[in-house]
Amino acid sequence: AFNAQDMPGILKLLAPDVEWSAFSVAWALAIGHFNGRAGVRDFLARLIGPATGQQVDTRFEPQEYFVSPEAVHVIGVETGYLTARVLDGTVANRPFFNNFDHTLWFAKNGKISKFRANYNLAQVGPTFWPQPPSAK
């Protein structure tokens, strides 16, 4: 659902009172604390929304998963282009390189109850660590 940008599919995965937080560089649009499904919808619109998003992804690749009974931690890489909505349009269509670090916590019913994202959104790169993305 996330890779397909399937909003109804994503929302079905979330607890109604989900807590969603994202941390990045100060100029990123998709940062802050978001509450509930409406908050997640707002976050995703700021991140990848066609009219309001900060970026257009060309690759989103989880590389490592760490799983516990209550949570999943995902480390990966992402590339794409920044939009005209970032930094007053001065970086429009420039590439970005991103190492992301996501943690998802789950309620007893299996729905995502909490999410935390840390991402670096570098304008130079590649910044890939621990390994470059696979050839596709």
N, C-alpha and C. Protein backbone atom coordinates (compact mmCIF):
# COMPACT_ATOMS: atom_id res chain seq x y z
N ALA A 1 0.82 -1.20 0.00
CA ALA A 1 0.00 0.00 0.00
C ALA A 1 0.87 1.26 0.00
N PHE A 2 1.96 1.26 0.78
CA PHE A 2 2.81 2.44 0.83
C PHE A 2 3.54 2.65 -0.50
N ASN A 3 4.13 1.61 -1.04
CA ASN A 3 4.85 1.76 -2.31
C ASN A 3 3.92 2.13 -3.46
N ALA A 4 2.68 1.66 -3.41
CA ALA A 4 1.70 1.97 -4.46
C ALA A 4 1.02 3.32 -4.24
N GLN A 5 1.32 3.96 -3.12
CA GLN A 5 0.68 5.22 -2.73
C GLN A 5 -0.84 5.06 -2.71
N ASP A 6 -1.27 3.91 -2.21
CA ASP A 6 -2.68 3.55 -2.11
C ASP A 6 -3.23 4.08 -0.78
N MET A 7 -3.77 5.30 -0.79
CA MET A 7 -4.22 5.95 0.44
C MET A 7 -5.28 5.13 1.17
N PRO A 8 -6.34 4.64 0.52
CA PRO A 8 -7.31 3.82 1.25
C PRO A 8 -6.66 2.57 1.87
N GLY A 9 -5.74 1.96 1.14
CA GLY A 9 -5.04 0.79 1.66
C GLY A 9 -4.19 1.11 2.87
N ILE A 10 -3.51 2.26 2.83
CA ILE A 10 -2.69 2.69 3.96
C ILE A 10 -3.58 2.95 5.18
N LEU A 11 -4.65 3.68 4.98
CA LEU A 11 -5.53 4.05 6.10
C LEU A 11 -6.13 2.82 6.77
N LYS A 12 -6.38 1.76 6.03
CA LYS A 12 -6.92 0.52 6.60
C LYS A 12 -5.93 -0.13 7.56
N LEU A 13 -4.65 0.15 7.38
CA LEU A 13 -3.61 -0.44 8.23
C LEU A 13 -3.44 0.28 9.56
N LEU A 14 -4.06 1.45 9.70
CA LEU A 14 -3.82 2.32 10.85
C LEU A 14 -4.90 2.22 11.91
N ALA A 15 -4.49 2.30 13.17
CA ALA A 15 -5.44 2.47 14.26
C ALA A 15 -6.06 3.87 14.11
N PRO A 16 -7.31 4.05 14.49
CA PRO A 16 -7.94 5.37 14.34
C PRO A 16 -7.18 6.49 15.05
N ASP A 17 -6.54 6.19 16.17
CA ASP A 17 -5.83 7.20 16.94
C ASP A 17 -4.30 7.11 16.77
N VAL A 18 -3.85 6.65 15.61
CA VAL A 18 -2.43 6.47 15.35
C VAL A 18 -1.65 7.75 15.64
N GLU A 19 -0.46 7.59 16.21
CA GLU A 19 0.48 8.69 16.44
C GLU A 19 1.57 8.59 15.39
N TRP A 20 1.79 9.64 14.62
CA TRP A 20 2.71 9.61 13.48
C TRP A 20 3.68 10.76 13.61
N SER A 21 4.98 10.49 13.63
CA SER A 21 5.99 11.53 13.78
C SER A 21 7.07 11.35 12.73
N ALA A 22 7.55 12.46 12.19
CA ALA A 22 8.62 12.43 11.19
C ALA A 22 9.62 13.54 11.49
N PHE A 23 10.90 13.18 11.41
CA PHE A 23 11.98 14.11 11.72
C PHE A 23 12.96 14.13 10.55
N SER A 24 13.38 15.33 10.14
CA SER A 24 14.29 15.47 9.02
C SER A 24 14.94 16.85 9.08
N VAL A 25 15.46 17.28 7.95
CA VAL A 25 16.07 18.60 7.84
C VAL A 25 15.00 19.67 7.99
N ALA A 26 15.40 20.86 8.41
CA ALA A 26 14.44 21.93 8.71
C ALA A 26 13.61 22.36 7.50
N TRP A 27 14.13 22.22 6.28
CA TRP A 27 13.41 22.68 5.10
C TRP A 27 12.44 21.63 4.56
N ALA A 28 12.42 20.44 5.12
CA ALA A 28 11.48 19.41 4.66
C ALA A 28 10.05 19.82 5.02
N LEU A 29 9.11 19.50 4.15
CA LEU A 29 7.71 19.83 4.40
C LEU A 29 7.01 18.76 5.24
N ALA A 30 7.46 17.53 5.13
CA ALA A 30 6.80 16.41 5.79
C ALA A 30 7.51 16.07 7.10
N ILE A 31 7.46 17.00 8.03
CA ILE A 31 8.04 16.77 9.35
C ILE A 31 7.04 17.22 10.40
N GLY A 32 7.16 16.66 11.58
CA GLY A 32 6.29 17.05 12.68
C GLY A 32 5.54 15.87 13.25
N HIS A 33 4.54 16.20 14.06
CA HIS A 33 3.71 15.19 14.72
C HIS A 33 2.31 15.26 14.12
N PHE A 34 1.78 14.10 13.79
CA PHE A 34 0.48 14.00 13.13
C PHE A 34 -0.35 12.99 13.90
N ASN A 35 -1.62 13.29 14.11
CA ASN A 35 -2.46 12.41 14.91
C ASN A 35 -3.64 11.89 14.10
N GLY A 36 -3.95 10.62 14.31
CA GLY A 36 -5.10 10.00 13.66
C GLY A 36 -4.91 9.80 12.17
N ARG A 37 -5.88 9.17 11.56
CA ARG A 37 -5.81 8.90 10.12
C ARG A 37 -5.78 10.19 9.30
N ALA A 38 -6.50 11.23 9.75
CA ALA A 38 -6.47 12.51 9.05
C ALA A 38 -5.06 13.11 9.10
N GLY A 39 -4.38 12.94 10.22
CA GLY A 39 -3.02 13.44 10.34
C GLY A 39 -2.07 12.71 9.40
N VAL A 40 -2.23 11.40 9.28
CA VAL A 40 -1.38 10.63 8.37
C VAL A 40 -1.66 11.05 6.92
N ARG A 41 -2.91 11.28 6.60
CA ARG A 41 -3.26 11.77 5.26
C ARG A 41 -2.55 13.10 4.98
N ASP A 42 -2.52 13.99 5.97
CA ASP A 42 -1.83 15.28 5.84
C ASP A 42 -0.32 15.07 5.66
N PHE A 43 0.27 14.19 6.46
CA PHE A 43 1.70 13.90 6.33
C PHE A 43 2.03 13.41 4.92
N LEU A 44 1.26 12.44 4.43
CA LEU A 44 1.54 11.88 3.10
C LEU A 44 1.34 12.93 2.00
N ALA A 45 0.37 13.81 2.17
CA ALA A 45 0.18 14.89 1.20
C ALA A 45 1.40 15.81 1.18
N ARG A 46 1.97 16.08 2.35
CA ARG A 46 3.16 16.92 2.42
C ARG A 46 4.38 16.21 1.84
N LEU A 47 4.40 14.89 1.95
CA LEU A 47 5.55 14.11 1.48
C LEU A 47 5.48 13.88 -0.03
N ILE A 48 4.39 13.29 -0.50
CA ILE A 48 4.33 12.84 -1.89
C ILE A 48 3.06 13.28 -2.62
N GLY A 49 2.25 14.09 -2.00
CA GLY A 49 1.00 14.51 -2.65
C GLY A 49 1.27 15.20 -3.97
N PRO A 50 0.49 14.91 -4.99
CA PRO A 50 0.77 15.48 -6.32
C PRO A 50 0.71 17.00 -6.35
N ALA A 51 -0.12 17.61 -5.53
CA ALA A 51 -0.23 19.07 -5.55
C ALA A 51 0.51 19.73 -4.39
N THR A 52 0.85 18.96 -3.36
CA THR A 52 1.37 19.56 -2.14
C THR A 52 2.65 18.93 -1.62
N GLY A 53 3.14 17.88 -2.26
CA GLY A 53 4.26 17.11 -1.72
C GLY A 53 5.62 17.73 -1.95
N GLN A 54 6.57 17.31 -1.14
CA GLN A 54 7.93 17.81 -1.23
C GLN A 54 8.77 17.04 -2.23
N GLN A 55 8.31 15.85 -2.62
CA GLN A 55 9.19 15.01 -3.44
C GLN A 55 8.41 14.10 -4.39
N VAL A 56 9.13 13.67 -5.42
CA VAL A 56 8.66 12.64 -6.33
C VAL A 56 9.67 11.50 -6.21
N ASP A 57 9.23 10.37 -5.73
CA ASP A 57 10.13 9.24 -5.54
C ASP A 57 10.38 8.50 -6.85
N THR A 58 11.64 8.12 -7.06
CA THR A 58 11.97 7.22 -8.15
C THR A 58 12.38 5.86 -7.63
N ARG A 59 12.73 5.81 -6.35
CA ARG A 59 13.08 4.53 -5.73
C ARG A 59 12.82 4.64 -4.23
N PHE A 60 12.18 3.62 -3.70
CA PHE A 60 11.98 3.50 -2.25
C PHE A 60 12.27 2.05 -1.93
N GLU A 61 13.38 1.82 -1.22
CA GLU A 61 13.84 0.46 -1.03
C GLU A 61 14.19 0.15 0.42
N PRO A 62 13.28 -0.51 1.14
CA PRO A 62 13.66 -1.02 2.46
C PRO A 62 14.79 -2.03 2.29
N GLN A 63 15.78 -1.98 3.19
CA GLN A 63 16.92 -2.89 3.07
C GLN A 63 17.06 -3.84 4.24
N GLU A 64 16.69 -3.40 5.43
CA GLU A 64 16.82 -4.25 6.61
C GLU A 64 15.58 -4.11 7.47
N TYR A 65 15.15 -5.22 8.04
CA TYR A 65 14.00 -5.25 8.94
C TYR A 65 14.44 -5.85 10.27
N PHE A 66 14.00 -5.23 11.35
CA PHE A 66 14.22 -5.74 12.69
C PHE A 66 12.84 -5.89 13.31
N VAL A 67 12.49 -7.10 13.67
CA VAL A 67 11.12 -7.41 14.07
C VAL A 67 11.07 -7.87 15.52
N SER A 68 10.11 -7.32 16.26
CA SER A 68 9.80 -7.79 17.61
C SER A 68 8.29 -8.05 17.65
N PRO A 69 7.78 -8.62 18.73
CA PRO A 69 6.33 -8.85 18.78
C PRO A 69 5.48 -7.58 18.71
N GLU A 70 6.03 -6.44 19.12
CA GLU A 70 5.25 -5.19 19.15
C GLU A 70 5.61 -4.20 18.07
N ALA A 71 6.74 -4.39 17.38
CA ALA A 71 7.21 -3.34 16.47
C ALA A 71 8.04 -3.92 15.33
N VAL A 72 8.17 -3.11 14.29
CA VAL A 72 9.06 -3.41 13.18
C VAL A 72 9.89 -2.15 12.92
N HIS A 73 11.18 -2.34 12.81
CA HIS A 73 12.11 -1.24 12.52
C HIS A 73 12.66 -1.50 11.12
N VAL A 74 12.61 -0.49 10.26
CA VAL A 74 13.01 -0.63 8.86
C VAL A 74 14.06 0.42 8.52
N ILE A 75 15.14 -0.03 7.90
CA ILE A 75 16.19 0.87 7.41
C ILE A 75 16.23 0.72 5.90
N GLY A 76 16.31 1.84 5.19
CA GLY A 76 16.35 1.74 3.74
C GLY A 76 16.85 3.01 3.08
N VAL A 77 16.75 3.01 1.76
CA VAL A 77 17.20 4.14 0.95
C VAL A 77 16.09 4.56 0.00
N GLU A 78 16.19 5.80 -0.43
CA GLU A 78 15.18 6.37 -1.30
C GLU A 78 15.86 7.44 -2.17
N THR A 79 15.40 7.55 -3.40
CA THR A 79 15.88 8.61 -4.28
C THR A 79 14.69 9.22 -5.00
N GLY A 80 14.90 10.37 -5.58
CA GLY A 80 13.85 11.01 -6.34
C GLY A 80 14.22 12.45 -6.65
N TYR A 81 13.17 13.27 -6.84
CA TYR A 81 13.35 14.67 -7.19
C TYR A 81 12.53 15.54 -6.25
N LEU A 82 13.09 16.68 -5.89
CA LEU A 82 12.38 17.64 -5.05
C LEU A 82 11.42 18.45 -5.92
N THR A 83 10.36 18.94 -5.31
CA THR A 83 9.36 19.70 -6.06
C THR A 83 9.57 21.20 -5.88
N ALA A 84 8.80 21.96 -6.61
CA ALA A 84 8.87 23.42 -6.54
C ALA A 84 8.35 23.95 -5.21
N ARG A 85 7.72 23.11 -4.41
CA ARG A 85 7.20 23.56 -3.11
C ARG A 85 8.29 23.61 -2.03
N VAL A 86 9.48 23.11 -2.34
CA VAL A 86 10.56 23.08 -1.37
C VAL A 86 11.49 24.28 -1.60
N LEU A 87 11.86 24.94 -0.51
CA LEU A 87 12.81 26.06 -0.54
C LEU A 87 12.46 27.09 -1.62
N ASP A 88 11.19 27.47 -1.63
CA ASP A 88 10.70 28.49 -2.56
C ASP A 88 11.01 28.17 -4.03
N GLY A 89 11.04 26.89 -4.36
CA GLY A 89 11.26 26.48 -5.74
C GLY A 89 12.69 26.48 -6.21
N THR A 90 13.63 26.85 -5.34
CA THR A 90 15.03 26.95 -5.75
C THR A 90 15.68 25.59 -6.01
N VAL A 91 15.05 24.51 -5.56
CA VAL A 91 15.61 23.18 -5.77
C VAL A 91 14.68 22.30 -6.61
N ALA A 92 13.73 22.90 -7.28
CA ALA A 92 12.77 22.14 -8.09
C ALA A 92 13.47 21.25 -9.09
N ASN A 93 13.04 20.00 -9.13
CA ASN A 93 13.56 18.98 -10.05
C ASN A 93 14.99 18.56 -9.78
N ARG A 94 15.54 18.96 -8.66
CA ARG A 94 16.87 18.48 -8.29
C ARG A 94 16.74 17.14 -7.57
N PRO A 95 17.73 16.27 -7.73
CA PRO A 95 17.64 14.96 -7.07
C PRO A 95 17.83 15.07 -5.57
N PHE A 96 17.24 14.12 -4.86
CA PHE A 96 17.54 13.96 -3.44
C PHE A 96 17.93 12.52 -3.21
N PHE A 97 18.67 12.31 -2.14
CA PHE A 97 19.12 10.99 -1.72
C PHE A 97 18.77 10.89 -0.24
N ASN A 98 18.22 9.77 0.14
CA ASN A 98 17.70 9.67 1.49
C ASN A 98 18.00 8.31 2.10
N ASN A 99 18.51 8.33 3.31
CA ASN A 99 18.56 7.15 4.15
C ASN A 99 17.43 7.30 5.15
N PHE A 100 16.50 6.34 5.16
CA PHE A 100 15.41 6.44 6.12
C PHE A 100 15.51 5.37 7.18
N ASP A 101 14.91 5.69 8.29
CA ASP A 101 14.93 4.87 9.49
C ASP A 101 13.52 4.96 10.07
N HIS A 102 12.72 3.92 9.89
CA HIS A 102 11.32 3.93 10.31
C HIS A 102 11.07 2.89 11.39
N THR A 103 10.25 3.23 12.36
CA THR A 103 9.79 2.27 13.34
C THR A 103 8.27 2.33 13.38
N LEU A 104 7.65 1.17 13.33
CA LEU A 104 6.19 1.04 13.41
C LEU A 104 5.85 0.18 14.61
N TRP A 105 4.92 0.66 15.45
CA TRP A 105 4.43 -0.10 16.58
C TRP A 105 3.00 -0.54 16.28
N PHE A 106 2.62 -1.67 16.82
CA PHE A 106 1.32 -2.26 16.50
C PHE A 106 0.45 -2.44 17.73
N ALA A 107 -0.84 -2.16 17.57
CA ALA A 107 -1.82 -2.42 18.62
C ALA A 107 -2.11 -3.93 18.64
N LYS A 108 -2.80 -4.36 19.66
CA LYS A 108 -3.13 -5.78 19.78
C LYS A 108 -3.95 -6.29 18.59
N ASN A 109 -4.71 -5.41 17.94
CA ASN A 109 -5.52 -5.83 16.78
C ASN A 109 -4.71 -5.86 15.48
N GLY A 110 -3.40 -5.59 15.55
CA GLY A 110 -2.54 -5.64 14.38
C GLY A 110 -2.44 -4.34 13.61
N LYS A 111 -3.21 -3.33 13.98
CA LYS A 111 -3.17 -2.03 13.29
C LYS A 111 -1.94 -1.24 13.76
N ILE A 112 -1.42 -0.39 12.89
CA ILE A 112 -0.30 0.47 13.26
C ILE A 112 -0.81 1.52 14.23
N SER A 113 -0.20 1.56 15.43
CA SER A 113 -0.64 2.50 16.46
C SER A 113 0.31 3.68 16.60
N LYS A 114 1.55 3.51 16.12
CA LYS A 114 2.54 4.57 16.25
C LYS A 114 3.58 4.39 15.15
N PHE A 115 4.06 5.50 14.63
CA PHE A 115 5.08 5.48 13.58
C PHE A 115 6.06 6.60 13.85
N ARG A 116 7.33 6.31 13.63
CA ARG A 116 8.36 7.35 13.75
C ARG A 116 9.31 7.20 12.57
N ALA A 117 9.53 8.30 11.86
CA ALA A 117 10.44 8.33 10.72
C ALA A 117 11.57 9.31 10.99
N ASN A 118 12.76 8.89 10.66
CA ASN A 118 13.92 9.76 10.65
C ASN A 118 14.51 9.65 9.25
N TYR A 119 14.69 10.79 8.59
CA TYR A 119 15.27 10.76 7.25
C TYR A 119 16.13 11.98 7.01
N ASN A 120 17.19 11.82 6.19
CA ASN A 120 18.16 12.90 6.04
C ASN A 120 17.92 13.80 4.83
N LEU A 121 17.24 13.35 3.79
CA LEU A 121 16.86 14.15 2.63
C LEU A 121 18.01 15.02 2.11
N ALA A 122 19.12 14.40 1.77
CA ALA A 122 20.30 15.12 1.29
C ALA A 122 20.13 15.52 -0.18
N GLN A 123 20.64 16.69 -0.53
CA GLN A 123 20.60 17.15 -1.92
C GLN A 123 21.84 16.74 -2.70
N VAL A 124 22.80 16.17 -2.01
CA VAL A 124 23.98 15.62 -2.68
C VAL A 124 24.08 14.16 -2.30
N GLY A 125 24.70 13.41 -3.11
CA GLY A 125 24.76 11.99 -2.78
C GLY A 125 25.47 11.22 -3.85
N PRO A 126 25.34 9.95 -3.84
CA PRO A 126 24.41 9.24 -2.97
C PRO A 126 24.92 9.13 -1.54
N THR A 127 23.98 9.02 -0.62
CA THR A 127 24.29 8.91 0.81
C THR A 127 24.08 7.48 1.30
N PHE A 128 23.98 6.53 0.40
CA PHE A 128 23.56 5.19 0.75
C PHE A 128 24.45 4.53 1.77
N TRP A 129 23.83 3.99 2.76
CA TRP A 129 24.49 3.21 3.79
C TRP A 129 23.48 2.23 4.31
N PRO A 130 23.76 1.04 4.58
CA PRO A 130 25.08 0.42 4.59
C PRO A 130 25.52 -0.11 3.23
N GLN A 131 24.61 -0.10 2.26
CA GLN A 131 24.95 -0.60 0.92
C GLN A 131 24.12 0.15 -0.10
N PRO A 132 24.58 0.21 -1.34
CA PRO A 132 23.76 0.87 -2.36
C PRO A 132 22.52 0.07 -2.64
N PRO A 133 21.48 0.70 -3.19
CA PRO A 133 20.27 -0.04 -3.52
C PRO A 133 20.55 -1.08 -4.59
N SER A 134 19.74 -2.11 -4.60
CA SER A 134 19.93 -3.16 -5.60
C SER A 134 19.63 -2.62 -6.99
N ALA A 135 20.25 -3.21 -7.99
CA ALA A 135 19.99 -2.81 -9.38
C ALA A 135 18.59 -3.25 -9.76
N LYS A 136 17.82 -2.36 -10.37
CA LYS A 136 16.46 -2.72 -10.77
C LYS A 136 16.25 -2.33 -12.20
